[in-house]
Amino acid sequence: MSMHLENPGLTTAGKKKGKHKYSSSEAKRNAEKLAKEWEELKKKYEPAKIPRKVFKTESLSPAMSTPRQTPTIPSLVTPGGDCLVKESIKYTGTKVIGIATMHKSNPVPVFSNEEAIAVSCMRR
């Protein structure tokens, strides 16, 4: 997940291999001989390939030879369905003097002058 923190040697694409240099022609012949022997051993001890069984199943989806016809049902039309803006609610009473802010943005209703003074003393 955090490949950007690792060094370039740990890439998922691998490292490009350049031309291999040998110290002598004898070392090159020996390496090629060993590589050839290794390939022969791999072929000799390769596991036998097991043929995969192929199961034939019938399709679970219904045959779509003709398109399915659905009846067209009209929408219900209701009269008088206007979408007007609702009127805002307004306080018309006489008990609440106003609204004070006590802490941060906490609105508190104020019913008397003593409460207004108390709320103003509680403010930070």
C-alpha atoms as a PDB file:
ATOM      1  CA  MET A   1       0.000   0.000   0.000  1.00  0.00           C
ATOM      2  CA  SER A   2       2.856   2.365   0.655  1.00  0.00           C
ATOM      3  CA  MET A   3       5.143   1.634  -2.272  1.00  0.00           C
ATOM      4  CA  HIS A   4       6.150   5.293  -2.425  1.00  0.00           C
ATOM      5  CA  LEU A   5       8.072   4.778   0.836  1.00  0.00           C
ATOM      6  CA  GLU A   6      10.113   1.834  -0.452  1.00  0.00           C
ATOM      7  CA  ASN A   7      13.265   1.932  -2.524  1.00  0.00           C
ATOM      8  CA  PRO A   8      13.158   1.423  -6.312  1.00  0.00           C
ATOM      9  CA  GLY A   9      14.533  -2.123  -5.984  1.00  0.00           C
ATOM     10  CA  LEU A  10      11.172  -3.288  -4.598  1.00  0.00           C
ATOM     11  CA  THR A  11       9.022  -2.404  -7.574  1.00  0.00           C
ATOM     12  CA  THR A  12       6.252  -4.672  -8.762  1.00  0.00           C
ATOM     13  CA  ALA A  13       7.498  -4.499 -12.353  1.00  0.00           C
ATOM     14  CA  GLY A  14      10.867  -6.029 -11.483  1.00  0.00           C
ATOM     15  CA  LYS A  15      14.321  -4.960 -12.489  1.00  0.00           C
ATOM     16  CA  LYS A  16      15.478  -4.906 -16.092  1.00  0.00           C
ATOM     17  CA  LYS A  17      18.328  -7.325 -16.584  1.00  0.00           C
ATOM     18  CA  GLY A  18      21.239  -6.113 -18.630  1.00  0.00           C
ATOM     19  CA  LYS A  19      23.862  -8.078 -20.538  1.00  0.00           C
ATOM     20  CA  HIS A  20      25.693 -10.503 -18.228  1.00  0.00           C
ATOM     21  CA  LYS A  21      29.481 -10.317 -18.416  1.00  0.00           C
ATOM     22  CA  TYR A  22      31.613 -13.346 -17.614  1.00  0.00           C
ATOM     23  CA  SER A  23      35.156 -13.313 -16.301  1.00  0.00           C
ATOM     24  CA  SER A  24      36.356 -15.671 -19.042  1.00  0.00           C
ATOM     25  CA  SER A  25      35.103 -17.655 -22.002  1.00  0.00           C
ATOM     26  CA  GLU A  26      35.400 -20.835 -19.934  1.00  0.00           C
ATOM     27  CA  ALA A  27      33.100 -19.371 -17.264  1.00  0.00           C
ATOM     28  CA  LYS A  28      30.586 -18.447 -19.976  1.00  0.00           C
ATOM     29  CA  ARG A  29      30.616 -21.990 -21.424  1.00  0.00           C
ATOM     30  CA  ASN A  30      30.223 -23.471 -17.949  1.00  0.00           C
ATOM     31  CA  ALA A  31      27.250 -21.170 -17.165  1.00  0.00           C
ATOM     32  CA  GLU A  32      25.530 -22.018 -20.454  1.00  0.00           C
ATOM     33  CA  LYS A  33      26.091 -25.747 -19.813  1.00  0.00           C
ATOM     34  CA  LEU A  34      24.578 -25.482 -16.330  1.00  0.00           C
ATOM     35  CA  ALA A  35      21.587 -23.495 -17.667  1.00  0.00           C
ATOM     36  CA  LYS A  36      20.972 -26.173 -20.328  1.00  0.00           C
ATOM     37  CA  GLU A  37      21.160 -28.976 -17.723  1.00  0.00           C
ATOM     38  CA  TRP A  38      18.797 -27.064 -15.478  1.00  0.00           C
ATOM     39  CA  GLU A  39      16.220 -26.743 -18.277  1.00  0.00           C
ATOM     40  CA  GLU A  40      16.473 -30.489 -18.994  1.00  0.00           C
ATOM     41  CA  LEU A  41      15.932 -31.308 -15.300  1.00  0.00           C
ATOM     42  CA  LYS A  42      12.889 -29.027 -15.179  1.00  0.00           C
ATOM     43  CA  LYS A  43      11.400 -30.774 -18.212  1.00  0.00           C
ATOM     44  CA  LYS A  44      12.159 -34.235 -16.774  1.00  0.00           C
ATOM     45  CA  TYR A  45      10.504 -33.620 -13.396  1.00  0.00           C
ATOM     46  CA  GLU A  46       7.665 -31.423 -14.604  1.00  0.00           C
ATOM     47  CA  PRO A  47       4.340 -32.515 -13.071  1.00  0.00           C
ATOM     48  CA  ALA A  48       1.932 -34.253 -15.397  1.00  0.00           C
ATOM     49  CA  LYS A  49      -0.745 -32.004 -16.741  1.00  0.00           C
ATOM     50  CA  ILE A  50      -4.190 -33.089 -15.624  1.00  0.00           C
ATOM     51  CA  PRO A  51      -6.861 -32.482 -18.245  1.00  0.00           C
ATOM     52  CA  ARG A  52      -9.529 -30.139 -16.965  1.00  0.00           C
ATOM     53  CA  LYS A  53     -13.069 -31.406 -16.983  1.00  0.00           C
ATOM     54  CA  VAL A  54     -15.450 -29.210 -18.887  1.00  0.00           C
ATOM     55  CA  PHE A  55     -18.991 -29.274 -17.614  1.00  0.00           C
ATOM     56  CA  LYS A  56     -21.794 -28.189 -19.862  1.00  0.00           C
ATOM     57  CA  THR A  57     -24.648 -26.463 -18.094  1.00  0.00           C
ATOM     58  CA  GLU A  58     -27.847 -25.018 -19.352  1.00  0.00           C
ATOM     59  CA  SER A  59     -28.324 -21.299 -19.182  1.00  0.00           C
ATOM     60  CA  LEU A  60     -30.329 -20.087 -16.196  1.00  0.00           C
ATOM     61  CA  SER A  61     -31.577 -16.981 -17.975  1.00  0.00           C
ATOM     62  CA  PRO A  62     -34.823 -17.297 -19.937  1.00  0.00           C
ATOM     63  CA  ALA A  63     -34.720 -17.451 -23.684  1.00  0.00           C
ATOM     64  CA  MET A  64     -34.904 -13.939 -25.095  1.00  0.00           C
ATOM     65  CA  SER A  65     -36.402 -14.714 -28.467  1.00  0.00           C
ATOM     66  CA  THR A  66     -39.095 -12.024 -28.195  1.00  0.00           C
ATOM     67  CA  PRO A  67     -38.927  -8.904 -26.008  1.00  0.00           C
ATOM     68  CA  ARG A  68     -41.190  -8.885 -22.973  1.00  0.00           C
ATOM     69  CA  GLN A  69     -44.174  -6.600 -23.285  1.00  0.00           C
ATOM     70  CA  THR A  70     -45.237  -4.688 -20.178  1.00  0.00           C
ATOM     71  CA  PRO A  71     -48.470  -2.764 -19.976  1.00  0.00           C
ATOM     72  CA  THR A  72     -48.206   1.022 -19.958  1.00  0.00           C
ATOM     73  CA  ILE A  73     -49.755   2.404 -16.778  1.00  0.00           C
ATOM     74  CA  PRO A  74     -50.427   6.183 -16.775  1.00  0.00           C
ATOM     75  CA  SER A  75     -49.393   8.294 -13.792  1.00  0.00           C
ATOM     76  CA  LEU A  76     -52.032   9.408 -11.294  1.00  0.00           C
ATOM     77  CA  VAL A  77     -53.037  13.026 -11.817  1.00  0.00           C
ATOM     78  CA  THR A  78     -54.078  14.774  -8.589  1.00  0.00           C
ATOM     79  CA  PRO A  79     -55.737  18.187  -8.798  1.00  0.00           C
ATOM     80  CA  GLY A  80     -54.547  21.128  -6.680  1.00  0.00           C
ATOM     81  CA  GLY A  81     -51.026  19.912  -6.073  1.00  0.00           C
ATOM     82  CA  ASP A  82     -49.241  23.295  -5.980  1.00  0.00           C
ATOM     83  CA  CYS A  83     -45.770  23.431  -4.456  1.00  0.00           C
ATOM     84  CA  LEU A  84     -45.749  26.813  -2.770  1.00  0.00           C
ATOM     85  CA  VAL A  85     -43.187  28.073  -0.264  1.00  0.00           C
ATOM     86  CA  LYS A  86     -44.280  27.517   3.306  1.00  0.00           C
ATOM     87  CA  GLU A  87     -44.628  30.679   5.362  1.00  0.00           C
ATOM     88  CA  SER A  88     -41.962  31.122   8.023  1.00  0.00           C
ATOM     89  CA  ILE A  89     -43.037  30.639  11.654  1.00  0.00           C
ATOM     90  CA  LYS A  90     -43.103  33.854  13.704  1.00  0.00           C
ATOM     91  CA  TYR A  91     -43.499  34.264  17.467  1.00  0.00           C
ATOM     92  CA  THR A  92     -46.497  36.458  18.291  1.00  0.00           C
ATOM     93  CA  GLY A  93     -46.580  36.024  22.096  1.00  0.00           C
ATOM     94  CA  THR A  94     -45.529  38.411  24.838  1.00  0.00           C
ATOM     95  CA  LYS A  95     -43.591  36.162  27.269  1.00  0.00           C
ATOM     96  CA  VAL A  96     -40.264  35.948  25.406  1.00  0.00           C
ATOM     97  CA  ILE A  97     -38.307  39.201  25.425  1.00  0.00           C
ATOM     98  CA  GLY A  98     -35.612  38.016  23.049  1.00  0.00           C
ATOM     99  CA  ILE A  99     -32.965  35.435  22.278  1.00  0.00           C
ATOM    100  CA  ALA A 100     -29.482  35.488  23.816  1.00  0.00           C
ATOM    101  CA  THR A 101     -26.335  33.558  22.925  1.00  0.00           C
ATOM    102  CA  MET A 102     -24.847  31.824  25.960  1.00  0.00           C
ATOM    103  CA  HIS A 103     -21.906  29.661  24.797  1.00  0.00           C
ATOM    104  CA  LYS A 104     -20.582  29.636  21.227  1.00  0.00           C
ATOM    105  CA  SER A 105     -23.707  29.636  19.050  1.00  0.00           C
ATOM    106  CA  ASN A 106     -26.213  28.289  21.590  1.00  0.00           C
ATOM    107  CA  PRO A 107     -29.409  30.391  21.362  1.00  0.00           C
ATOM    108  CA  VAL A 108     -31.301  30.723  24.658  1.00  0.00           C
ATOM    109  CA  PRO A 109     -34.759  32.301  25.026  1.00  0.00           C
ATOM    110  CA  VAL A 110     -34.874  35.221  27.488  1.00  0.00           C
ATOM    111  CA  PHE A 111     -38.075  35.735  29.525  1.00  0.00           C
ATOM    112  CA  SER A 112     -37.054  38.539  31.920  1.00  0.00           C
ATOM    113  CA  ASN A 113     -34.399  41.215  32.468  1.00  0.00           C
ATOM    114  CA  GLU A 114     -32.798  39.155  35.275  1.00  0.00           C
ATOM    115  CA  GLU A 115     -32.292  36.237  32.902  1.00  0.00           C
ATOM    116  CA  ALA A 116     -30.732  38.555  30.305  1.00  0.00           C
ATOM    117  CA  ILE A 117     -28.283  39.837  32.927  1.00  0.00           C
ATOM    118  CA  ALA A 118     -27.498  36.268  34.079  1.00  0.00           C
ATOM    119  CA  VAL A 119     -26.836  35.102  30.508  1.00  0.00           C
ATOM    120  CA  SER A 120     -24.564  38.089  29.836  1.00  0.00           C
ATOM    121  CA  CYS A 121     -22.555  37.236  32.986  1.00  0.00           C
ATOM    122  CA  MET A 122     -22.201  33.574  31.903  1.00  0.00           C
ATOM    123  CA  ARG A 123     -20.731  34.471  28.501  1.00  0.00           C
ATOM    124  CA  ARG A 124     -17.045  33.903  27.988  1.00  0.00           C
END
